[in-house]
Amino acid sequence: DLHSFPTRRSSDLHIVLRDHIPAFYQSAYRWTGAVDRAEDLVQELLVRLYPMLDELRTLDRPRPWAIRVMYRIFVDRLRHERSSPVQFGLDPAGGDDDVDYIDPAEEPPELVERQLTQQRITAAWLQLTQEHRVVLSMHDIEGYSLVELSSMMDIPLGTLKSRVHRARAKLRELLTTERFAASDRV
């Protein structure tokens, strides 16, 4: 929250990053799968970038640089959580704060099919490891090239290619082998 920095400098940070904050949040949400964890990740990113405002101003493309910083924060948090004796998981109720917009031209069968498809994709996405969600979201959804990702994530290109391949294969497997529960059958 940029309002927690009540100075002219915070206003400057907002000007430099305002167009990028939604992209930061989208990436964080895709990586974590939870609204509160995504918000915390973006918040920590902004706090860490605040003292680097002068450096940010000199960058032609601050988004990839900031995404790399956020990825490092994410990895550090994962390592910390994995070593912690207390483990936190995703919301077991599967609650989602996203608003589902309905196309008024859609007929009920198409609407139901779209909702079921979205539910299947979301369920499969949440079953992926966080490592798989990160590489798929950054490469396939956000459009970063493998070379850019290799630099951002500090991972050799060959390793990154195999991670993307394994993540796609796992997602494909989850989507094609999913069985409908008895209550979902029509």
Protein backbone atom coordinates (compact mmCIF):
# COMPACT_ATOMS: atom_id res chain seq x y z
CA ASP A 1 0.00 0.00 0.00
CA LEU A 2 1.72 3.13 -1.20
CA HIS A 3 -0.30 5.29 1.18
CA SER A 4 1.71 3.95 4.10
CA PHE A 5 4.64 6.06 2.84
CA PRO A 6 3.36 9.62 3.40
CA THR A 7 6.09 11.47 1.53
CA ARG A 8 6.76 12.98 -1.86
CA ARG A 9 9.05 10.02 -2.49
CA SER A 10 6.10 7.63 -2.17
CA SER A 11 4.24 9.69 -4.75
CA ASP A 12 7.22 9.30 -7.07
CA LEU A 13 7.24 5.53 -6.48
CA HIS A 14 3.55 5.44 -7.35
CA ILE A 15 4.20 7.35 -10.59
CA VAL A 16 7.01 4.98 -11.62
CA LEU A 17 5.11 1.77 -10.80
CA ARG A 18 1.40 2.56 -11.08
CA ASP A 19 1.01 0.95 -14.51
CA HIS A 20 2.81 -2.19 -13.32
CA ILE A 21 1.07 -2.91 -10.02
CA PRO A 22 -1.85 -4.82 -11.60
CA ALA A 23 0.66 -7.04 -13.44
CA PHE A 24 2.56 -7.62 -10.20
CA TYR A 25 -0.64 -8.66 -8.49
CA GLN A 26 -1.65 -10.97 -11.36
CA SER A 27 1.71 -12.71 -11.25
CA ALA A 28 1.63 -13.01 -7.48
CA TYR A 29 -1.89 -14.44 -7.56
CA ARG A 30 -0.99 -16.98 -10.21
CA TRP A 31 2.05 -18.07 -8.24
CA THR A 32 0.39 -18.29 -4.84
CA GLY A 33 -3.20 -19.16 -5.74
CA ALA A 34 -4.53 -17.02 -2.89
CA VAL A 35 -5.65 -13.38 -2.76
CA ASP A 36 -4.16 -12.57 0.64
CA ARG A 37 -0.81 -14.17 -0.15
CA ALA A 38 -0.66 -12.33 -3.49
CA GLU A 39 -1.41 -9.02 -1.79
CA ASP A 40 1.29 -9.68 0.81
CA LEU A 41 3.80 -10.52 -1.90
CA VAL A 42 3.10 -7.31 -3.83
CA GLN A 43 3.20 -5.32 -0.61
CA GLU A 44 6.61 -6.72 0.26
CA LEU A 45 7.82 -5.99 -3.27
CA LEU A 46 6.76 -2.34 -2.99
CA VAL A 47 8.41 -2.01 0.40
CA ARG A 48 11.65 -3.42 -1.01
CA LEU A 49 11.50 -1.22 -4.11
CA TYR A 50 10.85 1.97 -2.15
CA PRO A 51 14.52 2.60 -1.27
CA MET A 52 15.49 1.80 -4.89
CA LEU A 53 13.40 4.55 -6.46
CA ASP A 54 16.37 6.28 -8.10
CA GLU A 55 17.47 3.01 -9.70
CA LEU A 56 13.90 2.31 -10.88
CA ARG A 57 13.76 5.65 -12.67
CA THR A 58 16.78 4.71 -14.79
CA LEU A 59 15.27 1.47 -16.09
CA ASP A 60 13.68 1.37 -19.54
CA ARG A 61 11.54 -1.64 -18.57
CA PRO A 62 11.06 -1.76 -14.79
CA ARG A 63 8.42 -4.53 -14.89
CA PRO A 64 10.73 -7.50 -15.70
CA TRP A 65 13.25 -6.26 -13.17
CA ALA A 66 10.60 -5.87 -10.47
CA ILE A 67 9.03 -9.24 -11.34
CA ARG A 68 12.46 -10.78 -10.81
CA VAL A 69 12.70 -9.15 -7.39
CA MET A 70 9.19 -10.38 -6.55
CA TYR A 71 10.08 -13.88 -7.73
CA ARG A 72 13.08 -13.90 -5.39
CA ILE A 73 10.84 -12.81 -2.51
CA PHE A 74 8.39 -15.58 -3.45
CA VAL A 75 11.13 -18.23 -3.50
CA ASP A 76 12.52 -17.02 -0.17
CA ARG A 77 9.06 -17.24 1.37
CA LEU A 78 8.57 -20.75 -0.03
CA ARG A 79 11.86 -21.91 1.43
CA HIS A 80 10.99 -20.36 4.77
CA GLU A 81 7.52 -21.95 4.79
CA ARG A 82 8.89 -25.37 3.85
CA SER A 83 11.38 -25.26 6.69
CA SER A 84 8.78 -24.06 9.18
CA PRO A 85 7.21 -26.59 11.55
CA VAL A 86 3.84 -24.90 10.90
CA GLN A 87 2.47 -25.52 7.40
CA PHE A 88 -0.18 -23.38 5.75
CA GLY A 89 -2.23 -24.53 2.78
CA LEU A 90 -4.73 -23.14 0.36
CA ASP A 91 -8.23 -22.32 1.47
CA PRO A 92 -9.90 -25.75 1.82
CA ALA A 93 -13.27 -24.27 0.96
CA GLY A 94 -11.84 -23.18 -2.39
CA GLY A 95 -13.21 -19.68 -1.87
CA ASP A 96 -12.54 -17.23 -4.64
CA ASP A 97 -13.07 -13.49 -4.57
CA ASP A 98 -12.98 -13.16 -8.35
CA VAL A 99 -16.14 -11.85 -9.95
CA ASP A 100 -17.53 -14.01 -12.75
CA TYR A 101 -18.97 -11.77 -15.43
CA ILE A 102 -21.89 -13.24 -17.37
CA ASP A 103 -22.42 -12.57 -21.05
CA PRO A 104 -26.16 -11.81 -21.44
CA ALA A 105 -26.10 -13.39 -24.93
CA GLU A 106 -25.09 -16.77 -23.52
CA GLU A 107 -27.76 -19.39 -23.27
CA PRO A 108 -27.98 -21.47 -20.07
CA PRO A 109 -26.24 -24.56 -21.54
CA GLU A 110 -23.28 -22.50 -22.78
CA LEU A 111 -23.11 -20.64 -19.47
CA VAL A 112 -23.05 -23.88 -17.49
CA GLU A 113 -20.41 -25.35 -19.80
CA ARG A 114 -18.21 -22.25 -19.44
CA GLN A 115 -18.52 -22.31 -15.66
CA LEU A 116 -17.68 -26.03 -15.53
CA THR A 117 -14.68 -25.45 -17.79
CA GLN A 118 -13.45 -22.59 -15.61
CA GLN A 119 -13.87 -24.74 -12.51
CA ARG A 120 -11.94 -27.62 -14.09
CA ILE A 121 -9.10 -25.36 -15.18
CA THR A 122 -8.93 -23.65 -11.78
CA ALA A 123 -8.95 -26.99 -9.96
CA ALA A 124 -6.19 -28.34 -12.22
CA TRP A 125 -4.17 -25.11 -11.84
CA LEU A 126 -4.31 -25.33 -8.05
CA GLN A 127 -3.11 -28.95 -8.17
CA LEU A 128 0.08 -27.87 -9.94
CA THR A 129 3.14 -27.23 -7.82
CA GLN A 130 3.96 -23.59 -7.23
CA GLU A 131 7.07 -24.05 -9.39
CA HIS A 132 4.87 -25.18 -12.28
CA ARG A 133 2.38 -22.34 -11.77
CA VAL A 134 5.20 -19.79 -11.80
CA VAL A 135 6.80 -20.93 -15.06
CA LEU A 136 3.47 -21.39 -16.85
CA SER A 137 2.07 -18.05 -15.74
CA MET A 138 5.21 -16.11 -16.60
CA HIS A 139 5.85 -17.85 -19.95
CA ASP A 140 2.47 -18.90 -21.33
CA ILE A 141 0.19 -16.29 -19.79
CA GLU A 142 2.35 -13.20 -19.35
CA GLY A 143 4.42 -13.86 -22.46
CA TYR A 144 7.97 -13.63 -21.14
CA SER A 145 10.43 -15.42 -23.42
CA LEU A 146 12.47 -18.30 -22.09
CA VAL A 147 15.61 -16.16 -22.37
CA GLU A 148 13.98 -13.40 -20.29
CA LEU A 149 12.78 -15.92 -17.73
CA SER A 150 16.18 -17.53 -17.55
CA SER A 151 17.66 -14.16 -16.64
CA MET A 152 14.82 -13.17 -14.28
CA MET A 153 14.77 -16.46 -12.41
CA ASP A 154 18.51 -17.12 -12.64
CA ILE A 155 17.86 -20.60 -14.02
CA PRO A 156 19.79 -22.15 -16.94
CA LEU A 157 17.83 -22.07 -20.21
CA GLY A 158 17.81 -25.86 -20.60
CA THR A 159 16.47 -26.34 -17.08
CA LEU A 160 13.78 -23.74 -17.70
CA LYS A 161 12.72 -25.41 -20.96
CA SER A 162 12.29 -28.75 -19.21
CA ARG A 163 10.33 -27.11 -16.36
CA VAL A 164 7.94 -25.50 -18.83
CA HIS A 165 7.57 -28.81 -20.66
CA ARG A 166 6.90 -30.75 -17.43
CA ALA A 167 4.45 -28.11 -16.19
CA ARG A 168 2.48 -28.18 -19.45
CA ALA A 169 2.46 -31.98 -19.43
CA LYS A 170 1.21 -32.05 -15.83
CA LEU A 171 -1.54 -29.52 -16.56
CA ARG A 172 -2.56 -31.48 -19.66
CA GLU A 173 -2.62 -34.69 -17.60
CA LEU A 174 -4.75 -33.08 -14.89
CA LEU A 175 -7.22 -31.74 -17.44
CA THR A 176 -7.53 -34.93 -19.47
CA THR A 177 -7.64 -37.47 -16.64
CA GLU A 178 -10.02 -35.57 -14.40
CA ARG A 179 -12.98 -37.67 -13.37
CA PHE A 180 -16.31 -36.08 -12.67
CA ALA A 181 -17.74 -36.65 -9.25
CA ALA A 182 -21.14 -38.36 -9.16
CA SER A 183 -22.78 -35.05 -8.24
CA ASP A 184 -21.24 -33.38 -11.35
CA ARG A 185 -22.52 -35.91 -13.85
CA VAL A 186 -25.40 -34.87 -16.02
